[in-house]
Amino acid sequence: GDLETVMEGKYRQGHFNGVAQVVS
């Protein structure tokens, strides 16, 4: 949701999906 559309998420699209994939 909104957690990933701002700041790092805005400038590094797909970054947090990759983080969630590896950490999980």
mmCIF file of all heavy atoms, coordinates in Angstrom:
data_MODEL
# 
_entry.id   MODEL 
# 
loop_
_atom_site.group_PDB 
_atom_site.id 
_atom_site.type_symbol 
_atom_site.label_atom_id 
_atom_site.label_alt_id 
_atom_site.label_comp_id 
_atom_site.label_asym_id 
_atom_site.label_entity_id 
_atom_site.label_seq_id 
_atom_site.pdbx_PDB_ins_code 
_atom_site.Cartn_x 
_atom_site.Cartn_y 
_atom_site.Cartn_z 
_atom_site.occupancy 
_atom_site.B_iso_or_equiv 
_atom_site.pdbx_formal_charge 
_atom_site.auth_seq_id 
_atom_site.auth_comp_id 
_atom_site.auth_asym_id 
_atom_site.auth_atom_id 
_atom_site.pdbx_PDB_model_num 
ATOM 1   N N   . GLY A 1 1  ? 0.815  -1.210  0.000   1.00 0.00 ? 1  GLY A N   1 
ATOM 2   C CA  . GLY A 1 1  ? 0.000  0.000   0.000   1.00 0.00 ? 1  GLY A CA  1 
ATOM 3   C C   . GLY A 1 1  ? 0.849  1.260   0.000   1.00 0.00 ? 1  GLY A C   1 
ATOM 4   O O   . GLY A 1 1  ? 1.873  1.345   -0.689  1.00 0.00 ? 1  GLY A O   1 
ATOM 5   N N   . ASP A 1 2  ? 0.446  2.240   0.804   1.00 0.00 ? 2  ASP A N   1 
ATOM 6   C CA  . ASP A 1 2  ? 1.130  3.530   0.830   1.00 0.00 ? 2  ASP A CA  1 
ATOM 7   C C   . ASP A 1 2  ? 2.532  3.456   1.404   1.00 0.00 ? 2  ASP A C   1 
ATOM 8   O O   . ASP A 1 2  ? 3.342  4.357   1.189   1.00 0.00 ? 2  ASP A O   1 
ATOM 9   C CB  . ASP A 1 2  ? 0.307  4.542   1.645   1.00 0.00 ? 2  ASP A CB  1 
ATOM 10  C CG  . ASP A 1 2  ? -1.004 4.908   0.963   1.00 0.00 ? 2  ASP A CG  1 
ATOM 11  O OD1 . ASP A 1 2  ? -1.088 4.739   -0.264  1.00 0.00 ? 2  ASP A OD1 1 
ATOM 12  O OD2 . ASP A 1 2  ? -1.923 5.363   1.658   1.00 0.00 ? 2  ASP A OD2 1 
ATOM 13  N N   . LEU A 1 3  ? 2.854  2.394   2.133   1.00 0.00 ? 3  LEU A N   1 
ATOM 14  C CA  . LEU A 1 3  ? 4.193  2.270   2.714   1.00 0.00 ? 3  LEU A CA  1 
ATOM 15  C C   . LEU A 1 3  ? 5.279  2.246   1.644   1.00 0.00 ? 3  LEU A C   1 
ATOM 16  O O   . LEU A 1 3  ? 6.404  2.678   1.877   1.00 0.00 ? 3  LEU A O   1 
ATOM 17  C CB  . LEU A 1 3  ? 4.305  0.989   3.552   1.00 0.00 ? 3  LEU A CB  1 
ATOM 18  C CG  . LEU A 1 3  ? 3.611  0.936   4.908   1.00 0.00 ? 3  LEU A CG  1 
ATOM 19  C CD1 . LEU A 1 3  ? 3.836  -0.431  5.549   1.00 0.00 ? 3  LEU A CD1 1 
ATOM 20  C CD2 . LEU A 1 3  ? 4.112  2.044   5.830   1.00 0.00 ? 3  LEU A CD2 1 
ATOM 21  N N   . GLU A 1 4  ? 4.958  1.723   0.459   1.00 0.00 ? 4  GLU A N   1 
ATOM 22  C CA  . GLU A 1 4  ? 5.985  1.528   -0.563  1.00 0.00 ? 4  GLU A CA  1 
ATOM 23  C C   . GLU A 1 4  ? 5.917  2.536   -1.704  1.00 0.00 ? 4  GLU A C   1 
ATOM 24  O O   . GLU A 1 4  ? 6.710  2.458   -2.641  1.00 0.00 ? 4  GLU A O   1 
ATOM 25  C CB  . GLU A 1 4  ? 5.889  0.115   -1.152  1.00 0.00 ? 4  GLU A CB  1 
ATOM 26  C CG  . GLU A 1 4  ? 4.600  -0.170  -1.897  1.00 0.00 ? 4  GLU A CG  1 
ATOM 27  C CD  . GLU A 1 4  ? 4.561  -1.576  -2.495  1.00 0.00 ? 4  GLU A CD  1 
ATOM 28  O OE1 . GLU A 1 4  ? 5.650  -2.148  -2.725  1.00 0.00 ? 4  GLU A OE1 1 
ATOM 29  O OE2 . GLU A 1 4  ? 3.466  -2.094  -2.726  1.00 0.00 ? 4  GLU A OE2 1 
ATOM 30  N N   . THR A 1 5  ? 5.003  3.514   -1.623  1.00 0.00 ? 5  THR A N   1 
ATOM 31  C CA  . THR A 1 5  ? 4.877  4.475   -2.726  1.00 0.00 ? 5  THR A CA  1 
ATOM 32  C C   . THR A 1 5  ? 5.627  5.771   -2.461  1.00 0.00 ? 5  THR A C   1 
ATOM 33  O O   . THR A 1 5  ? 5.690  6.635   -3.333  1.00 0.00 ? 5  THR A O   1 
ATOM 34  C CB  . THR A 1 5  ? 3.394  4.802   -2.983  1.00 0.00 ? 5  THR A CB  1 
ATOM 35  O OG1 . THR A 1 5  ? 2.825  5.383   -1.796  1.00 0.00 ? 5  THR A OG1 1 
ATOM 36  C CG2 . THR A 1 5  ? 2.615  3.556   -3.368  1.00 0.00 ? 5  THR A CG2 1 
ATOM 37  N N   . VAL A 1 6  ? 6.189  5.909   -1.256  1.00 0.00 ? 6  VAL A N   1 
ATOM 38  C CA  . VAL A 1 6  ? 6.858  7.158   -0.876  1.00 0.00 ? 6  VAL A CA  1 
ATOM 39  C C   . VAL A 1 6  ? 8.357  6.923   -0.698  1.00 0.00 ? 6  VAL A C   1 
ATOM 40  O O   . VAL A 1 6  ? 8.824  5.799   -0.621  1.00 0.00 ? 6  VAL A O   1 
ATOM 41  C CB  . VAL A 1 6  ? 6.264  7.723   0.434   1.00 0.00 ? 6  VAL A CB  1 
ATOM 42  C CG1 . VAL A 1 6  ? 4.801  8.094   0.236   1.00 0.00 ? 6  VAL A CG1 1 
ATOM 43  C CG2 . VAL A 1 6  ? 6.393  6.708   1.580   1.00 0.00 ? 6  VAL A CG2 1 
ATOM 44  N N   . MET A 1 7  ? 9.101  8.006   -0.658  1.00 0.00 ? 7  MET A N   1 
ATOM 45  C CA  . MET A 1 7  ? 10.532 8.009   -0.344  1.00 0.00 ? 7  MET A CA  1 
ATOM 46  C C   . MET A 1 7  ? 11.305 6.955   -1.133  1.00 0.00 ? 7  MET A C   1 
ATOM 47  O O   . MET A 1 7  ? 11.355 7.014   -2.348  1.00 0.00 ? 7  MET A O   1 
ATOM 48  C CB  . MET A 1 7  ? 10.707 7.872   1.178   1.00 0.00 ? 7  MET A CB  1 
ATOM 49  C CG  . MET A 1 7  ? 10.070 9.036   1.923   1.00 0.00 ? 7  MET A CG  1 
ATOM 50  S SD  . MET A 1 7  ? 10.378 9.090   3.704   1.00 0.00 ? 7  MET A SD  1 
ATOM 51  C CE  . MET A 1 7  ? 9.588  7.609   4.314   1.00 0.00 ? 7  MET A CE  1 
ATOM 52  N N   . GLU A 1 8  ? 11.880 5.958   -0.456  1.00 0.00 ? 8  GLU A N   1 
ATOM 53  C CA  . GLU A 1 8  ? 12.661 4.934   -1.159  1.00 0.00 ? 8  GLU A CA  1 
ATOM 54  C C   . GLU A 1 8  ? 11.834 4.228   -2.230  1.00 0.00 ? 8  GLU A C   1 
ATOM 55  O O   . GLU A 1 8  ? 12.324 3.938   -3.315  1.00 0.00 ? 8  GLU A O   1 
ATOM 56  C CB  . GLU A 1 8  ? 13.201 3.909   -0.168  1.00 0.00 ? 8  GLU A CB  1 
ATOM 57  C CG  . GLU A 1 8  ? 14.219 4.441   0.809   1.00 0.00 ? 8  GLU A CG  1 
ATOM 58  C CD  . GLU A 1 8  ? 15.469 4.922   0.122   1.00 0.00 ? 8  GLU A CD  1 
ATOM 59  O OE1 . GLU A 1 8  ? 16.257 4.081   -0.339  1.00 0.00 ? 8  GLU A OE1 1 
ATOM 60  O OE2 . GLU A 1 8  ? 15.655 6.154   0.031   1.00 0.00 ? 8  GLU A OE2 1 
ATOM 61  N N   . GLY A 1 9  ? 10.588 3.959   -1.914  1.00 0.00 ? 9  GLY A N   1 
ATOM 62  C CA  . GLY A 1 9  ? 9.724  3.281   -2.865  1.00 0.00 ? 9  GLY A CA  1 
ATOM 63  C C   . GLY A 1 9  ? 9.485  4.097   -4.121  1.00 0.00 ? 9  GLY A C   1 
ATOM 64  O O   . GLY A 1 9  ? 9.389  3.547   -5.226  1.00 0.00 ? 9  GLY A O   1 
ATOM 65  N N   . LYS A 1 10 ? 9.409  5.392   -3.962  1.00 0.00 ? 10 LYS A N   1 
ATOM 66  C CA  . LYS A 1 10 ? 9.174  6.289   -5.104  1.00 0.00 ? 10 LYS A CA  1 
ATOM 67  C C   . LYS A 1 10 ? 10.383 6.325   -6.035  1.00 0.00 ? 10 LYS A C   1 
ATOM 68  O O   . LYS A 1 10 ? 10.241 6.342   -7.263  1.00 0.00 ? 10 LYS A O   1 
ATOM 69  C CB  . LYS A 1 10 ? 8.867  7.689   -4.593  1.00 0.00 ? 10 LYS A CB  1 
ATOM 70  C CG  . LYS A 1 10 ? 8.653  8.729   -5.682  1.00 0.00 ? 10 LYS A CG  1 
ATOM 71  C CD  . LYS A 1 10 ? 8.348  10.087  -5.078  1.00 0.00 ? 10 LYS A CD  1 
ATOM 72  C CE  . LYS A 1 10 ? 8.173  11.148  -6.158  1.00 0.00 ? 10 LYS A CE  1 
ATOM 73  N NZ  . LYS A 1 10 ? 7.879  12.485  -5.569  1.00 0.00 ? 10 LYS A NZ  1 
ATOM 74  N N   . TYR A 1 11 ? 11.581 6.338   -5.450  1.00 0.00 ? 11 TYR A N   1 
ATOM 75  C CA  . TYR A 1 11 ? 12.793 6.492   -6.248  1.00 0.00 ? 11 TYR A CA  1 
ATOM 76  C C   . TYR A 1 11 ? 13.469 5.172   -6.601  1.00 0.00 ? 11 TYR A C   1 
ATOM 77  O O   . TYR A 1 11 ? 14.356 5.145   -7.460  1.00 0.00 ? 11 TYR A O   1 
ATOM 78  C CB  . TYR A 1 11 ? 13.788 7.390   -5.502  1.00 0.00 ? 11 TYR A CB  1 
ATOM 79  C CG  . TYR A 1 11 ? 13.335 8.826   -5.447  1.00 0.00 ? 11 TYR A CG  1 
ATOM 80  C CD1 . TYR A 1 11 ? 12.619 9.315   -4.360  1.00 0.00 ? 11 TYR A CD1 1 
ATOM 81  C CD2 . TYR A 1 11 ? 13.601 9.700   -6.504  1.00 0.00 ? 11 TYR A CD2 1 
ATOM 82  C CE1 . TYR A 1 11 ? 12.190 10.629  -4.307  1.00 0.00 ? 11 TYR A CE1 1 
ATOM 83  C CE2 . TYR A 1 11 ? 13.174 11.015  -6.464  1.00 0.00 ? 11 TYR A CE2 1 
ATOM 84  C CZ  . TYR A 1 11 ? 12.470 11.478  -5.365  1.00 0.00 ? 11 TYR A CZ  1 
ATOM 85  O OH  . TYR A 1 11 ? 12.039 12.783  -5.335  1.00 0.00 ? 11 TYR A OH  1 
ATOM 86  N N   . ARG A 1 12 ? 13.074 4.088   -5.938  1.00 0.00 ? 12 ARG A N   1 
ATOM 87  C CA  . ARG A 1 12 ? 13.678 2.780   -6.215  1.00 0.00 ? 12 ARG A CA  1 
ATOM 88  C C   . ARG A 1 12 ? 12.555 1.765   -6.424  1.00 0.00 ? 12 ARG A C   1 
ATOM 89  O O   . ARG A 1 12 ? 12.333 0.883   -5.601  1.00 0.00 ? 12 ARG A O   1 
ATOM 90  C CB  . ARG A 1 12 ? 14.589 2.360   -5.060  1.00 0.00 ? 12 ARG A CB  1 
ATOM 91  C CG  . ARG A 1 12 ? 15.698 3.335   -4.761  1.00 0.00 ? 12 ARG A CG  1 
ATOM 92  C CD  . ARG A 1 12 ? 16.542 2.876   -3.589  1.00 0.00 ? 12 ARG A CD  1 
ATOM 93  N NE  . ARG A 1 12 ? 17.332 1.693   -3.929  1.00 0.00 ? 12 ARG A NE  1 
ATOM 94  C CZ  . ARG A 1 12 ? 18.043 1.002   -3.059  1.00 0.00 ? 12 ARG A CZ  1 
ATOM 95  N NH1 . ARG A 1 12 ? 18.040 1.352   -1.777  1.00 0.00 ? 12 ARG A NH1 1 
ATOM 96  N NH2 . ARG A 1 12 ? 18.741 -0.055  -3.447  1.00 0.00 ? 12 ARG A NH2 1 
ATOM 97  N N   . GLN A 1 13 ? 11.861 1.904   -7.530  1.00 0.00 ? 13 GLN A N   1 
ATOM 98  C CA  . GLN A 1 13 ? 10.687 1.071   -7.786  1.00 0.00 ? 13 GLN A CA  1 
ATOM 99  C C   . GLN A 1 13 ? 11.076 -0.403  -7.848  1.00 0.00 ? 13 GLN A C   1 
ATOM 100 O O   . GLN A 1 13 ? 12.048 -0.778  -8.489  1.00 0.00 ? 13 GLN A O   1 
ATOM 101 C CB  . GLN A 1 13 ? 10.021 1.516   -9.086  1.00 0.00 ? 13 GLN A CB  1 
ATOM 102 C CG  . GLN A 1 13 ? 9.399  2.904   -8.987  1.00 0.00 ? 13 GLN A CG  1 
ATOM 103 C CD  . GLN A 1 13 ? 8.643  3.294   -10.242 1.00 0.00 ? 13 GLN A CD  1 
ATOM 104 O OE1 . GLN A 1 13 ? 8.454  2.493   -11.152 1.00 0.00 ? 13 GLN A OE1 1 
ATOM 105 N NE2 . GLN A 1 13 ? 8.181  4.533   -10.284 1.00 0.00 ? 13 GLN A NE2 1 
ATOM 106 N N   . GLY A 1 14 ? 10.306 -1.217  -7.133  1.00 0.00 ? 14 GLY A N   1 
ATOM 107 C CA  . GLY A 1 14 ? 10.560 -2.646  -7.083  1.00 0.00 ? 14 GLY A CA  1 
ATOM 108 C C   . GLY A 1 14 ? 11.518 -3.050  -5.974  1.00 0.00 ? 14 GLY A C   1 
ATOM 109 O O   . GLY A 1 14 ? 11.644 -4.245  -5.668  1.00 0.00 ? 14 GLY A O   1 
ATOM 110 N N   . HIS A 1 15 ? 12.176 -2.064  -5.363  1.00 0.00 ? 15 HIS A N   1 
ATOM 111 C CA  . HIS A 1 15 ? 13.175 -2.352  -4.331  1.00 0.00 ? 15 HIS A CA  1 
ATOM 112 C C   . HIS A 1 15 ? 12.567 -3.119  -3.158  1.00 0.00 ? 15 HIS A C   1 
ATOM 113 O O   . HIS A 1 15 ? 13.096 -4.147  -2.738  1.00 0.00 ? 15 HIS A O   1 
ATOM 114 C CB  . HIS A 1 15 ? 13.785 -1.040  -3.838  1.00 0.00 ? 15 HIS A CB  1 
ATOM 115 C CG  . HIS A 1 15 ? 14.625 -1.176  -2.608  1.00 0.00 ? 15 HIS A CG  1 
ATOM 116 N ND1 . HIS A 1 15 ? 15.840 -1.832  -2.610  1.00 0.00 ? 15 HIS A ND1 1 
ATOM 117 C CD2 . HIS A 1 15 ? 14.423 -0.763  -1.328  1.00 0.00 ? 15 HIS A CD2 1 
ATOM 118 C CE1 . HIS A 1 15 ? 16.353 -1.805  -1.391  1.00 0.00 ? 15 HIS A CE1 1 
ATOM 119 N NE2 . HIS A 1 15 ? 15.516 -1.173  -0.597  1.00 0.00 ? 15 HIS A NE2 1 
ATOM 120 N N   . PHE A 1 16 ? 11.447 -2.635  -2.641  1.00 0.00 ? 16 PHE A N   1 
ATOM 121 C CA  . PHE A 1 16 ? 10.893 -3.252  -1.446  1.00 0.00 ? 16 PHE A CA  1 
ATOM 122 C C   . PHE A 1 16 ? 10.260 -4.605  -1.722  1.00 0.00 ? 16 PHE A C   1 
ATOM 123 O O   . PHE A 1 16 ? 10.194 -5.457  -0.831  1.00 0.00 ? 16 PHE A O   1 
ATOM 124 C CB  . PHE A 1 16 ? 9.900  -2.312  -0.757  1.00 0.00 ? 16 PHE A CB  1 
ATOM 125 C CG  . PHE A 1 16 ? 10.578 -1.168  -0.052  1.00 0.00 ? 16 PHE A CG  1 
ATOM 126 C CD1 . PHE A 1 16 ? 10.225 0.145   -0.323  1.00 0.00 ? 16 PHE A CD1 1 
ATOM 127 C CD2 . PHE A 1 16 ? 11.578 -1.401  0.859   1.00 0.00 ? 16 PHE A CD2 1 
ATOM 128 C CE1 . PHE A 1 16 ? 10.867 1.192   0.311   1.00 0.00 ? 16 PHE A CE1 1 
ATOM 129 C CE2 . PHE A 1 16 ? 12.225 -0.361  1.508   1.00 0.00 ? 16 PHE A CE2 1 
ATOM 130 C CZ  . PHE A 1 16 ? 11.872 0.940   1.229   1.00 0.00 ? 16 PHE A CZ  1 
ATOM 131 N N   . ASN A 1 17 ? 9.805  -4.820  -2.952  1.00 0.00 ? 17 ASN A N   1 
ATOM 132 C CA  . ASN A 1 17 ? 9.323  -6.163  -3.280  1.00 0.00 ? 17 ASN A CA  1 
ATOM 133 C C   . ASN A 1 17 ? 10.488 -7.143  -3.222  1.00 0.00 ? 17 ASN A C   1 
ATOM 134 O O   . ASN A 1 17 ? 10.353 -8.265  -2.714  1.00 0.00 ? 17 ASN A O   1 
ATOM 135 C CB  . ASN A 1 17 ? 8.680  -6.183  -4.666  1.00 0.00 ? 17 ASN A CB  1 
ATOM 136 C CG  . ASN A 1 17 ? 7.828  -7.415  -4.878  1.00 0.00 ? 17 ASN A CG  1 
ATOM 137 O OD1 . ASN A 1 17 ? 6.720  -7.518  -4.344  1.00 0.00 ? 17 ASN A OD1 1 
ATOM 138 N ND2 . ASN A 1 17 ? 8.334  -8.383  -5.632  1.00 0.00 ? 17 ASN A ND2 1 
ATOM 139 N N   . GLY A 1 18 ? 11.656 -6.701  -3.705  1.00 0.00 ? 18 GLY A N   1 
ATOM 140 C CA  . GLY A 1 18 ? 12.847 -7.539  -3.629  1.00 0.00 ? 18 GLY A CA  1 
ATOM 141 C C   . GLY A 1 18 ? 13.290 -7.788  -2.199  1.00 0.00 ? 18 GLY A C   1 
ATOM 142 O O   . GLY A 1 18 ? 13.720 -8.895  -1.855  1.00 0.00 ? 18 GLY A O   1 
ATOM 143 N N   . VAL A 1 19 ? 13.172 -6.763  -1.347  1.00 0.00 ? 19 VAL A N   1 
ATOM 144 C CA  . VAL A 1 19 ? 13.504 -6.917  0.074   1.00 0.00 ? 19 VAL A CA  1 
ATOM 145 C C   . VAL A 1 19 ? 12.578 -7.948  0.717   1.00 0.00 ? 19 VAL A C   1 
ATOM 146 O O   . VAL A 1 19 ? 13.027 -8.843  1.438   1.00 0.00 ? 19 VAL A O   1 
ATOM 147 C CB  . VAL A 1 19 ? 13.390 -5.565  0.811   1.00 0.00 ? 19 VAL A CB  1 
ATOM 148 C CG1 . VAL A 1 19 ? 13.451 -5.769  2.322   1.00 0.00 ? 19 VAL A CG1 1 
ATOM 149 C CG2 . VAL A 1 19 ? 14.490 -4.612  0.364   1.00 0.00 ? 19 VAL A CG2 1 
ATOM 150 N N   . ALA A 1 20 ? 11.289 -7.819  0.453   1.00 0.00 ? 20 ALA A N   1 
ATOM 151 C CA  . ALA A 1 20 ? 10.314 -8.743  1.041   1.00 0.00 ? 20 ALA A CA  1 
ATOM 152 C C   . ALA A 1 20 ? 10.546 -10.164 0.550   1.00 0.00 ? 20 ALA A C   1 
ATOM 153 O O   . ALA A 1 20 ? 10.418 -11.133 1.321   1.00 0.00 ? 20 ALA A O   1 
ATOM 154 C CB  . ALA A 1 20 ? 8.895  -8.288  0.707   1.00 0.00 ? 20 ALA A CB  1 
ATOM 155 N N   . GLN A 1 21 ? 10.894 -10.315 -0.722  1.00 0.00 ? 21 GLN A N   1 
ATOM 156 C CA  . GLN A 1 21 ? 11.165 -11.647 -1.249  1.00 0.00 ? 21 GLN A CA  1 
ATOM 157 C C   . GLN A 1 21 ? 12.318 -12.312 -0.503  1.00 0.00 ? 21 GLN A C   1 
ATOM 158 O O   . GLN A 1 21 ? 12.204 -13.446 -0.026  1.00 0.00 ? 21 GLN A O   1 
ATOM 159 C CB  . GLN A 1 21 ? 11.503 -11.564 -2.745  1.00 0.00 ? 21 GLN A CB  1 
ATOM 160 C CG  . GLN A 1 21 ? 10.317 -11.285 -3.642  1.00 0.00 ? 21 GLN A CG  1 
ATOM 161 C CD  . GLN A 1 21 ? 10.725 -11.119 -5.097  1.00 0.00 ? 21 GLN A CD  1 
ATOM 162 O OE1 . GLN A 1 21 ? 11.889 -10.896 -5.411  1.00 0.00 ? 21 GLN A OE1 1 
ATOM 163 N NE2 . GLN A 1 21 ? 9.756  -11.229 -6.000  1.00 0.00 ? 21 GLN A NE2 1 
ATOM 164 N N   . VAL A 1 22 ? 13.438 -11.583 -0.378  1.00 0.00 ? 22 VAL A N   1 
ATOM 165 C CA  . VAL A 1 22 ? 14.616 -12.218 0.219   1.00 0.00 ? 22 VAL A CA  1 
ATOM 166 C C   . VAL A 1 22 ? 14.458 -12.411 1.724   1.00 0.00 ? 22 VAL A C   1 
ATOM 167 O O   . VAL A 1 22 ? 14.835 -13.468 2.260   1.00 0.00 ? 22 VAL A O   1 
ATOM 168 C CB  . VAL A 1 22 ? 15.901 -11.424 -0.094  1.00 0.00 ? 22 VAL A CB  1 
ATOM 169 C CG1 . VAL A 1 22 ? 15.989 -10.132 0.693   1.00 0.00 ? 22 VAL A CG1 1 
ATOM 170 C CG2 . VAL A 1 22 ? 17.127 -12.296 0.181   1.00 0.00 ? 22 VAL A CG2 1 
ATOM 171 N N   . VAL A 1 23 ? 13.888 -11.428 2.421   1.00 0.00 ? 23 VAL A N   1 
ATOM 172 C CA  . VAL A 1 23 ? 13.757 -11.571 3.871   1.00 0.00 ? 23 VAL A CA  1 
ATOM 173 C C   . VAL A 1 23 ? 12.779 -12.698 4.206   1.00 0.00 ? 23 VAL A C   1 
ATOM 174 O O   . VAL A 1 23 ? 13.018 -13.492 5.123   1.00 0.00 ? 23 VAL A O   1 
ATOM 175 C CB  . VAL A 1 23 ? 13.328 -10.239 4.529   1.00 0.00 ? 23 VAL A CB  1 
ATOM 176 C CG1 . VAL A 1 23 ? 13.042 -10.438 6.017   1.00 0.00 ? 23 VAL A CG1 1 
ATOM 177 C CG2 . VAL A 1 23 ? 14.420 -9.189  4.353   1.00 0.00 ? 23 VAL A CG2 1 
ATOM 178 N N   . SER A 1 24 ? 11.688 -12.799 3.466   1.00 0.00 ? 24 SER A N   1 
ATOM 179 C CA  . SER A 1 24 ? 10.742 -13.891 3.726   1.00 0.00 ? 24 SER A CA  1 
ATOM 180 C C   . SER A 1 24 ? 11.375 -15.242 3.418   1.00 0.00 ? 24 SER A C   1 
ATOM 181 O O   . SER A 1 24 ? 11.155 -16.229 4.137   1.00 0.00 ? 24 SER A O   1 
ATOM 182 C CB  . SER A 1 24 ? 9.452  -13.695 2.925   1.00 0.00 ? 24 SER A CB  1 
ATOM 183 O OG  . SER A 1 24 ? 9.705  -13.682 1.527   1.00 0.00 ? 24 SER A OG  1 
# 
